[in-house]
Amino acid sequence: MPGGRLTQQERQQIGLGLADGLAYAEIARRLDRPTSTITREVMRNGGPTGYRADLAHRATERRAHRRRQAEPRGSEAPPQAYGRDAEAVREYEETFTTVFMQQGLPKMMSRVLACLFTSDAGSLTASELVQRLQVSPASISKAIAFLESQDLVRRERDENRRERYSVDDDVWYQSMVASARGTLQLAETARQGVGILGPDTPAAGRLENIARFLDFVSESLIRAADQAREVLHTKPESTVPKTVPKTVPESVPESVSETVPES
């Protein structure tokens, strides 16, 4: 796969592909680029409906110029731990950020979360986040407040009484369970409409089916999260299980079971 940054011509091809309704994977194939590169490029420059090749190219040049200005003069950037490629790490963090944005997180919150997940300690201070992301302390404070409200990060103090923001091993478990509970609440609300609209009406039937579907999905998600929770605590030197136990109960109709992908 070709390396380096996207050229202006490639960005024009991306714009044409989006206008033709092509999927990111197809655009990537035509440009011989990773799909993640195309996804990140589009998401950070207006999304599929707002992408403009010329604007995207100028924005990239401005970001590169700001990074050059931010680099210490007369000295090289500190080496990455474990001999990592600094440019590859930065590109990966951008990809991770894009994925979080696709899941619905705002951009700054996504950047902070990706930064925390890719730090070896799994925690950073506000000043460290400011330095790494080149943003204002106010931006970090706002992002942390939002992520805390979603149970995605937690606040703690180190031995020097400095506040640190961290992502622990259970953050994904807690997030999945919270999502499942929200789905259960939606199922309960849908079921309330059955009695109000009349049990024998088309609208009530639709709501009952929605409630049954959401019940099954949320309960299966909670059960799967409980069964797989130990994976989050697997030590780096250990072998991560290649499969996760199926969570579809035996009593589920065959037609439903077939729609649940196997690991």
C-alpha atoms as a PDB file:
ATOM      1  CA  MET A   1       0.000   0.000   0.000  1.00  0.00           C
ATOM      2  CA  PRO A   2       1.388   3.414  -0.860  1.00  0.00           C
ATOM      3  CA  GLY A   3       2.487   5.529   2.056  1.00  0.00           C
ATOM      4  CA  GLY A   4       2.622   9.262   2.519  1.00  0.00           C
ATOM      5  CA  ARG A   5      -0.120  11.822   2.607  1.00  0.00           C
ATOM      6  CA  LEU A   6      -2.985  12.033   0.179  1.00  0.00           C
ATOM      7  CA  THR A   7      -2.314  14.205  -2.837  1.00  0.00           C
ATOM      8  CA  GLN A   8      -4.684  16.857  -4.112  1.00  0.00           C
ATOM      9  CA  GLN A   9      -5.537  14.627  -7.080  1.00  0.00           C
ATOM     10  CA  GLU A  10      -6.394  11.755  -4.751  1.00  0.00           C
ATOM     11  CA  ARG A  11      -8.658  14.030  -2.758  1.00  0.00           C
ATOM     12  CA  GLN A  12     -10.425  15.016  -5.955  1.00  0.00           C
ATOM     13  CA  GLN A  13     -10.968  11.324  -6.697  1.00  0.00           C
ATOM     14  CA  ILE A  14     -12.410  10.874  -3.213  1.00  0.00           C
ATOM     15  CA  GLY A  15     -14.817  13.748  -3.837  1.00  0.00           C
ATOM     16  CA  LEU A  16     -15.907  12.244  -7.147  1.00  0.00           C
ATOM     17  CA  GLY A  17     -16.361   8.843  -5.548  1.00  0.00           C
ATOM     18  CA  LEU A  18     -18.546  10.270  -2.781  1.00  0.00           C
ATOM     19  CA  ALA A  19     -20.621  12.138  -5.366  1.00  0.00           C
ATOM     20  CA  ASP A  20     -21.165   8.834  -7.184  1.00  0.00           C
ATOM     21  CA  GLY A  21     -22.291   7.172  -3.968  1.00  0.00           C
ATOM     22  CA  LEU A  22     -19.302   4.834  -3.724  1.00  0.00           C
ATOM     23  CA  ALA A  23     -18.480   3.173  -0.393  1.00  0.00           C
ATOM     24  CA  TYR A  24     -15.257   4.109   1.384  1.00  0.00           C
ATOM     25  CA  ALA A  25     -13.850   0.622   0.689  1.00  0.00           C
ATOM     26  CA  GLU A  26     -14.427   1.001  -3.060  1.00  0.00           C
ATOM     27  CA  ILE A  27     -12.826   4.450  -3.136  1.00  0.00           C
ATOM     28  CA  ALA A  28      -9.881   3.060  -1.187  1.00  0.00           C
ATOM     29  CA  ARG A  29      -9.531   0.157  -3.624  1.00  0.00           C
ATOM     30  CA  ARG A  30      -9.442   2.494  -6.613  1.00  0.00           C
ATOM     31  CA  LEU A  31      -6.757   4.626  -4.973  1.00  0.00           C
ATOM     32  CA  ASP A  32      -4.857   1.626  -3.596  1.00  0.00           C
ATOM     33  CA  ARG A  33      -5.149   3.074  -0.115  1.00  0.00           C
ATOM     34  CA  PRO A  34      -6.329   1.588   3.213  1.00  0.00           C
ATOM     35  CA  THR A  35     -10.044   2.058   3.829  1.00  0.00           C
ATOM     36  CA  SER A  36      -9.206   3.656   7.190  1.00  0.00           C
ATOM     37  CA  THR A  37      -7.289   6.401   5.362  1.00  0.00           C
ATOM     38  CA  ILE A  38     -10.318   7.312   3.262  1.00  0.00           C
ATOM     39  CA  THR A  39     -12.670   7.118   6.256  1.00  0.00           C
ATOM     40  CA  ARG A  40     -10.452   9.393   8.334  1.00  0.00           C
ATOM     41  CA  GLU A  41      -9.993  11.852   5.468  1.00  0.00           C
ATOM     42  CA  VAL A  42     -13.735  12.192   4.875  1.00  0.00           C
ATOM     43  CA  MET A  43     -14.812  12.299   8.516  1.00  0.00           C
ATOM     44  CA  ARG A  44     -12.348  15.020   9.494  1.00  0.00           C
ATOM     45  CA  ASN A  45     -13.257  17.175   6.476  1.00  0.00           C
ATOM     46  CA  GLY A  46     -17.014  17.607   6.487  1.00  0.00           C
ATOM     47  CA  GLY A  47     -18.288  14.033   6.277  1.00  0.00           C
ATOM     48  CA  PRO A  48     -19.682  12.242   3.212  1.00  0.00           C
ATOM     49  CA  THR A  49     -22.145  15.021   2.356  1.00  0.00           C
ATOM     50  CA  GLY A  50     -19.892  17.990   3.108  1.00  0.00           C
ATOM     51  CA  TYR A  51     -16.534  16.825   1.783  1.00  0.00           C
ATOM     52  CA  ARG A  52     -14.785  19.243  -0.598  1.00  0.00           C
ATOM     53  CA  ALA A  53     -11.425  18.189  -2.046  1.00  0.00           C
ATOM     54  CA  ASP A  54      -9.904  21.670  -2.290  1.00  0.00           C
ATOM     55  CA  LEU A  55     -10.970  22.648   1.233  1.00  0.00           C
ATOM     56  CA  ALA A  56      -9.726  19.341   2.622  1.00  0.00           C
ATOM     57  CA  HIS A  57      -6.328  19.828   0.976  1.00  0.00           C
ATOM     58  CA  ARG A  58      -5.920  23.346   2.346  1.00  0.00           C
ATOM     59  CA  ALA A  59      -7.005  22.222   5.814  1.00  0.00           C
ATOM     60  CA  THR A  60      -4.378  19.465   5.782  1.00  0.00           C
ATOM     61  CA  GLU A  61      -1.669  21.936   4.782  1.00  0.00           C
ATOM     62  CA  ARG A  62      -2.703  24.249   7.640  1.00  0.00           C
ATOM     63  CA  ARG A  63      -2.563  21.397  10.163  1.00  0.00           C
ATOM     64  CA  ALA A  64       0.884  20.360   8.942  1.00  0.00           C
ATOM     65  CA  HIS A  65       2.065  23.984   9.218  1.00  0.00           C
ATOM     66  CA  ARG A  66       0.774  24.259  12.795  1.00  0.00           C
ATOM     67  CA  ARG A  67       2.534  21.014  13.771  1.00  0.00           C
ATOM     68  CA  ARG A  68       5.816  22.301  12.364  1.00  0.00           C
ATOM     69  CA  GLN A  69       5.446  25.513  14.356  1.00  0.00           C
ATOM     70  CA  ALA A  70       4.688  23.556  17.522  1.00  0.00           C
ATOM     71  CA  GLU A  71       7.883  21.485  17.253  1.00  0.00           C
ATOM     72  CA  PRO A  72      10.729  22.711  19.497  1.00  0.00           C
ATOM     73  CA  ARG A  73      13.269  24.683  17.500  1.00  0.00           C
ATOM     74  CA  GLY A  74      16.783  23.346  17.410  1.00  0.00           C
ATOM     75  CA  SER A  75      15.801  20.002  18.867  1.00  0.00           C
ATOM     76  CA  GLU A  76      14.192  16.837  17.702  1.00  0.00           C
ATOM     77  CA  ALA A  77      10.954  15.457  19.054  1.00  0.00           C
ATOM     78  CA  PRO A  78      11.514  13.002  21.928  1.00  0.00           C
ATOM     79  CA  PRO A  79      11.790   9.391  20.766  1.00  0.00           C
ATOM     80  CA  GLN A  80       8.755   7.153  21.077  1.00  0.00           C
ATOM     81  CA  ALA A  81       8.723   4.452  23.737  1.00  0.00           C
ATOM     82  CA  TYR A  82       9.533   0.901  22.609  1.00  0.00           C
ATOM     83  CA  GLY A  83      11.059   2.254  19.379  1.00  0.00           C
ATOM     84  CA  ARG A  84       7.682   3.118  17.871  1.00  0.00           C
ATOM     85  CA  ASP A  85       7.333   5.065  14.640  1.00  0.00           C
ATOM     86  CA  ALA A  86       6.042   8.484  15.739  1.00  0.00           C
ATOM     87  CA  GLU A  87       4.272   9.157  12.436  1.00  0.00           C
ATOM     88  CA  ALA A  88       2.616   5.734  12.443  1.00  0.00           C
ATOM     89  CA  VAL A  89       1.402   6.315  16.014  1.00  0.00           C
ATOM     90  CA  ARG A  90      -0.025   9.710  15.109  1.00  0.00           C
ATOM     91  CA  GLU A  91      -1.822   8.262  12.079  1.00  0.00           C
ATOM     92  CA  TYR A  92      -3.230   5.446  14.201  1.00  0.00           C
ATOM     93  CA  GLU A  93      -4.511   7.892  16.836  1.00  0.00           C
ATOM     94  CA  GLU A  94      -6.291   9.808  14.062  1.00  0.00           C
ATOM     95  CA  THR A  95      -7.866   6.579  12.826  1.00  0.00           C
ATOM     96  CA  PHE A  96      -8.974   5.670  16.354  1.00  0.00           C
ATOM     97  CA  THR A  97     -10.425   9.170  16.749  1.00  0.00           C
ATOM     98  CA  THR A  98     -12.379   8.807  13.512  1.00  0.00           C
ATOM     99  CA  VAL A  99     -13.894   5.510  14.659  1.00  0.00           C
ATOM    100  CA  PHE A 100     -15.038   7.090  17.930  1.00  0.00           C
ATOM    101  CA  MET A 101     -16.592   9.942  15.958  1.00  0.00           C
ATOM    102  CA  GLN A 102     -18.455   7.450  13.790  1.00  0.00           C
ATOM    103  CA  GLN A 103     -19.866   5.972  17.003  1.00  0.00           C
ATOM    104  CA  GLY A 104     -21.339   9.363  17.869  1.00  0.00           C
ATOM    105  CA  LEU A 105     -18.709  10.992  20.092  1.00  0.00           C
ATOM    106  CA  PRO A 106     -17.831  14.657  19.428  1.00  0.00           C
ATOM    107  CA  LYS A 107     -14.406  15.258  17.894  1.00  0.00           C
ATOM    108  CA  MET A 108     -12.564  16.616  20.954  1.00  0.00           C
ATOM    109  CA  MET A 109     -13.949  13.901  23.215  1.00  0.00           C
ATOM    110  CA  SER A 110     -12.873  11.326  20.625  1.00  0.00           C
ATOM    111  CA  ARG A 111      -9.359  12.765  20.478  1.00  0.00           C
ATOM    112  CA  VAL A 112      -8.987  12.685  24.261  1.00  0.00           C
ATOM    113  CA  LEU A 113     -10.295   9.129  24.503  1.00  0.00           C
ATOM    114  CA  ALA A 114      -7.986   7.899  21.722  1.00  0.00           C
ATOM    115  CA  CYS A 115      -5.062   9.629  23.411  1.00  0.00           C
ATOM    116  CA  LEU A 116      -5.785   7.917  26.737  1.00  0.00           C
ATOM    117  CA  PHE A 117      -6.223   4.486  25.175  1.00  0.00           C
ATOM    118  CA  THR A 118      -2.933   4.706  23.283  1.00  0.00           C
ATOM    119  CA  SER A 119      -0.914   5.835  26.311  1.00  0.00           C
ATOM    120  CA  ASP A 120       0.967   2.986  27.992  1.00  0.00           C
ATOM    121  CA  ALA A 121      -0.126   4.098  31.470  1.00  0.00           C
ATOM    122  CA  GLY A 122      -3.756   4.437  30.418  1.00  0.00           C
ATOM    123  CA  SER A 123      -3.868   7.757  32.230  1.00  0.00           C
ATOM    124  CA  LEU A 124      -2.690  11.328  31.624  1.00  0.00           C
ATOM    125  CA  THR A 125      -2.858  14.650  33.422  1.00  0.00           C
ATOM    126  CA  ALA A 126      -4.644  17.658  31.960  1.00  0.00           C
ATOM    127  CA  SER A 127      -1.317  19.310  31.109  1.00  0.00           C
ATOM    128  CA  GLU A 128      -0.117  16.156  29.356  1.00  0.00           C
ATOM    129  CA  LEU A 129      -3.296  16.036  27.288  1.00  0.00           C
ATOM    130  CA  VAL A 130      -2.911  19.724  26.415  1.00  0.00           C
ATOM    131  CA  GLN A 131       0.655  19.117  25.268  1.00  0.00           C
ATOM    132  CA  ARG A 132      -0.112  15.991  23.273  1.00  0.00           C
ATOM    133  CA  LEU A 133      -3.233  17.324  21.556  1.00  0.00           C
ATOM    134  CA  GLN A 134      -2.099  20.966  21.225  1.00  0.00           C
ATOM    135  CA  VAL A 135      -5.407  22.340  22.507  1.00  0.00           C
ATOM    136  CA  SER A 136      -6.457  24.651  25.327  1.00  0.00           C
ATOM    137  CA  PRO A 137      -6.950  23.503  28.941  1.00  0.00           C
ATOM    138  CA  ALA A 138     -10.599  24.540  28.632  1.00  0.00           C
ATOM    139  CA  SER A 139     -11.085  22.118  25.740  1.00  0.00           C
ATOM    140  CA  ILE A 140      -9.616  19.270  27.803  1.00  0.00           C
ATOM    141  CA  SER A 141     -11.766  20.161  30.811  1.00  0.00           C
ATOM    142  CA  LYS A 142     -14.934  20.145  28.719  1.00  0.00           C
ATOM    143  CA  ALA A 143     -14.023  16.855  27.051  1.00  0.00           C
ATOM    144  CA  ILE A 144     -13.222  15.144  30.354  1.00  0.00           C
ATOM    145  CA  ALA A 145     -16.491  16.326  31.899  1.00  0.00           C
ATOM    146  CA  PHE A 146     -18.423  14.808  29.006  1.00  0.00           C
ATOM    147  CA  LEU A 147     -16.486  11.525  29.040  1.00  0.00           C
ATOM    148  CA  GLU A 148     -16.967  11.225  32.804  1.00  0.00           C
ATOM    149  CA  SER A 149     -20.713  11.671  32.386  1.00  0.00           C
ATOM    150  CA  GLN A 150     -20.664   8.734  29.952  1.00  0.00           C
ATOM    151  CA  ASP A 151     -18.578   6.572  32.344  1.00  0.00           C
ATOM    152  CA  LEU A 152     -15.803   6.405  29.751  1.00  0.00           C
ATOM    153  CA  VAL A 153     -13.041   7.872  31.931  1.00  0.00           C
ATOM    154  CA  ARG A 154     -12.448   8.281  35.638  1.00  0.00           C
ATOM    155  CA  ARG A 155     -10.672  10.965  37.644  1.00  0.00           C
ATOM    156  CA  GLU A 156      -8.011  10.168  40.235  1.00  0.00           C
ATOM    157  CA  ARG A 157      -5.035  11.774  41.997  1.00  0.00           C
ATOM    158  CA  ASP A 158      -1.448  10.556  41.803  1.00  0.00           C
ATOM    159  CA  GLU A 159       1.201  10.617  44.516  1.00  0.00           C
ATOM    160  CA  ASN A 160       1.876  14.294  43.745  1.00  0.00           C
ATOM    161  CA  ARG A 161      -1.805  15.171  44.237  1.00  0.00           C
ATOM    162  CA  ARG A 162      -2.184  15.908  40.534  1.00  0.00           C
ATOM    163  CA  GLU A 163      -5.439  14.995  38.873  1.00  0.00           C
ATOM    164  CA  ARG A 164      -5.124  12.220  36.320  1.00  0.00           C
ATOM    165  CA  TYR A 165      -7.737  11.008  33.873  1.00  0.00           C
ATOM    166  CA  SER A 166      -7.679   7.320  33.113  1.00  0.00           C
ATOM    167  CA  VAL A 167      -9.378   4.527  31.222  1.00  0.00           C
ATOM    168  CA  ASP A 168      -9.371   1.345  33.274  1.00  0.00           C
ATOM    169  CA  ASP A 169      -9.819  -2.238  32.148  1.00  0.00           C
ATOM    170  CA  ASP A 170     -13.551  -2.194  32.841  1.00  0.00           C
ATOM    171  CA  VAL A 171     -14.468   0.911  30.831  1.00  0.00           C
ATOM    172  CA  TRP A 172     -15.783  -1.103  27.878  1.00  0.00           C
ATOM    173  CA  TYR A 173     -17.715  -3.445  30.145  1.00  0.00           C
ATOM    174  CA  GLN A 174     -19.375  -0.565  31.985  1.00  0.00           C
ATOM    175  CA  SER A 175     -20.144   1.177  28.689  1.00  0.00           C
ATOM    176  CA  MET A 176     -21.725  -1.966  27.207  1.00  0.00           C
ATOM    177  CA  VAL A 177     -23.856  -2.563  30.300  1.00  0.00           C
ATOM    178  CA  ALA A 178     -24.993   1.071  30.348  1.00  0.00           C
ATOM    179  CA  SER A 179     -25.924   0.805  26.658  1.00  0.00           C
ATOM    180  CA  ALA A 180     -27.858  -2.400  27.291  1.00  0.00           C
ATOM    181  CA  ARG A 181     -29.770  -0.810  30.158  1.00  0.00           C
ATOM    182  CA  GLY A 182     -30.684   2.111  27.927  1.00  0.00           C
ATOM    183  CA  THR A 183     -31.977  -0.376  25.352  1.00  0.00           C
ATOM    184  CA  LEU A 184     -34.065  -2.103  28.026  1.00  0.00           C
ATOM    185  CA  GLN A 185     -35.580   1.237  28.976  1.00  0.00           C
ATOM    186  CA  LEU A 186     -36.504   1.807  25.350  1.00  0.00           C
ATOM    187  CA  ALA A 187     -38.123  -1.638  25.258  1.00  0.00           C
ATOM    188  CA  GLU A 188     -40.177  -0.836  28.356  1.00  0.00           C
ATOM    189  CA  THR A 189     -41.323   2.447  26.836  1.00  0.00           C
ATOM    190  CA  ALA A 190     -42.346   0.696  23.607  1.00  0.00           C
ATOM    191  CA  ARG A 191     -44.333  -1.874  25.592  1.00  0.00           C
ATOM    192  CA  GLN A 192     -46.192   0.878  27.476  1.00  0.00           C
ATOM    193  CA  GLY A 193     -47.601   2.006  24.146  1.00  0.00           C
ATOM    194  CA  VAL A 194     -49.278  -1.376  23.589  1.00  0.00           C
ATOM    195  CA  GLY A 195     -51.876  -0.748  26.271  1.00  0.00           C
ATOM    196  CA  ILE A 196     -52.378   2.866  25.284  1.00  0.00           C
ATOM    197  CA  LEU A 197     -52.848   2.195  21.551  1.00  0.00           C
ATOM    198  CA  GLY A 198     -54.874  -0.969  22.029  1.00  0.00           C
ATOM    199  CA  PRO A 199     -53.447  -4.522  22.006  1.00  0.00           C
ATOM    200  CA  ASP A 200     -55.168  -5.520  18.755  1.00  0.00           C
ATOM    201  CA  THR A 201     -54.103  -2.513  16.670  1.00  0.00           C
ATOM    202  CA  PRO A 202     -51.338  -2.456  14.045  1.00  0.00           C
ATOM    203  CA  ALA A 203     -49.423   0.227  15.941  1.00  0.00           C
ATOM    204  CA  ALA A 204     -49.520  -1.785  19.169  1.00  0.00           C
ATOM    205  CA  GLY A 205     -48.358  -4.903  17.352  1.00  0.00           C
ATOM    206  CA  ARG A 206     -45.427  -3.000  15.921  1.00  0.00           C
ATOM    207  CA  LEU A 207     -44.427  -1.679  19.355  1.00  0.00           C
ATOM    208  CA  GLU A 208     -44.720  -5.124  20.933  1.00  0.00           C
ATOM    209  CA  ASN A 209     -42.390  -6.595  18.314  1.00  0.00           C
ATOM    210  CA  ILE A 210     -39.927  -3.755  18.884  1.00  0.00           C
ATOM    211  CA  ALA A 211     -40.026  -4.381  22.636  1.00  0.00           C
ATOM    212  CA  ARG A 212     -39.442  -8.125  22.213  1.00  0.00           C
ATOM    213  CA  PHE A 213     -36.531  -7.493  19.861  1.00  0.00           C
ATOM    214  CA  LEU A 214     -34.905  -4.948  22.179  1.00  0.00           C
ATOM    215  CA  ASP A 215     -35.420  -7.216  25.198  1.00  0.00           C
ATOM    216  CA  PHE A 216     -33.556 -10.017  23.479  1.00  0.00           C
ATOM    217  CA  VAL A 217     -30.725  -7.810  22.219  1.00  0.00           C
ATOM    218  CA  SER A 218     -30.125  -6.053  25.552  1.00  0.00           C
ATOM    219  CA  GLU A 219     -30.259  -9.243  27.613  1.00  0.00           C
ATOM    220  CA  SER A 220     -27.902 -11.001  25.202  1.00  0.00           C
ATOM    221  CA  LEU A 221     -25.502  -8.048  25.308  1.00  0.00           C
ATOM    222  CA  ILE A 222     -25.382  -8.039  29.111  1.00  0.00           C
ATOM    223  CA  ARG A 223     -24.875 -11.802  29.205  1.00  0.00           C
ATOM    224  CA  ALA A 224     -22.090 -11.613  26.588  1.00  0.00           C
ATOM    225  CA  ALA A 225     -20.384  -8.744  28.439  1.00  0.00           C
ATOM    226  CA  ASP A 226     -20.414 -10.756  31.674  1.00  0.00           C
ATOM    227  CA  GLN A 227     -18.999 -13.836  29.954  1.00  0.00           C
ATOM    228  CA  ALA A 228     -16.250 -11.931  28.143  1.00  0.00           C
ATOM    229  CA  ARG A 229     -15.336  -9.532  30.965  1.00  0.00           C
ATOM    230  CA  GLU A 230     -12.229 -11.513  31.896  1.00  0.00           C
ATOM    231  CA  VAL A 231     -10.775 -10.769  28.442  1.00  0.00           C
ATOM    232  CA  LEU A 232     -10.377  -7.134  29.526  1.00  0.00           C
ATOM    233  CA  HIS A 233      -8.067  -8.260  32.338  1.00  0.00           C
ATOM    234  CA  THR A 234      -5.865 -10.527  30.210  1.00  0.00           C
ATOM    235  CA  LYS A 235      -2.181  -9.793  30.765  1.00  0.00           C
ATOM    236  CA  PRO A 236      -0.177  -8.636  27.702  1.00  0.00           C
ATOM    237  CA  GLU A 237       1.959 -11.774  27.753  1.00  0.00           C
ATOM    238  CA  SER A 238      -1.077 -14.041  27.847  1.00  0.00           C
ATOM    239  CA  THR A 239      -2.790 -15.428  24.789  1.00  0.00           C
ATOM    240  CA  VAL A 240      -6.120 -13.729  24.143  1.00  0.00           C
ATOM    241  CA  PRO A 241      -8.886 -16.287  23.518  1.00  0.00           C
ATOM    242  CA  LYS A 242      -9.651 -16.592  19.823  1.00  0.00           C
ATOM    243  CA  THR A 243     -13.330 -17.228  20.423  1.00  0.00           C
ATOM    244  CA  VAL A 244     -15.992 -15.902  22.717  1.00  0.00           C
ATOM    245  CA  PRO A 245     -18.769 -18.231  23.919  1.00  0.00           C
ATOM    246  CA  LYS A 246     -21.947 -17.904  21.940  1.00  0.00           C
ATOM    247  CA  THR A 247     -24.593 -15.982  23.825  1.00  0.00           C
ATOM    248  CA  VAL A 248     -27.682 -17.088  21.925  1.00  0.00           C
ATOM    249  CA  PRO A 249     -29.864 -19.174  24.271  1.00  0.00           C
ATOM    250  CA  GLU A 250     -31.018 -22.578  23.071  1.00  0.00           C
ATOM    251  CA  SER A 251     -34.630 -21.496  23.254  1.00  0.00           C
ATOM    252  CA  VAL A 252     -34.191 -18.798  20.617  1.00  0.00           C
ATOM    253  CA  PRO A 253     -35.913 -19.702  17.324  1.00  0.00           C
ATOM    254  CA  GLU A 254     -33.562 -20.945  14.622  1.00  0.00           C
ATOM    255  CA  SER A 255     -34.456 -18.004  12.365  1.00  0.00           C
ATOM    256  CA  VAL A 256     -33.226 -15.592  15.026  1.00  0.00           C
ATOM    257  CA  SER A 257     -30.080 -17.566  15.843  1.00  0.00           C
ATOM    258  CA  GLU A 258     -29.002 -17.522  12.230  1.00  0.00           C
ATOM    259  CA  THR A 259     -28.878 -13.726  12.252  1.00  0.00           C
ATOM    260  CA  VAL A 260     -26.368 -13.565  15.114  1.00  0.00           C
ATOM    261  CA  PRO A 261     -22.805 -13.668  13.730  1.00  0.00           C
ATOM    262  CA  GLU A 262     -20.456 -16.239  15.124  1.00  0.00           C
ATOM    263  CA  SER A 263     -17.146 -15.189  16.604  1.00  0.00           C
END
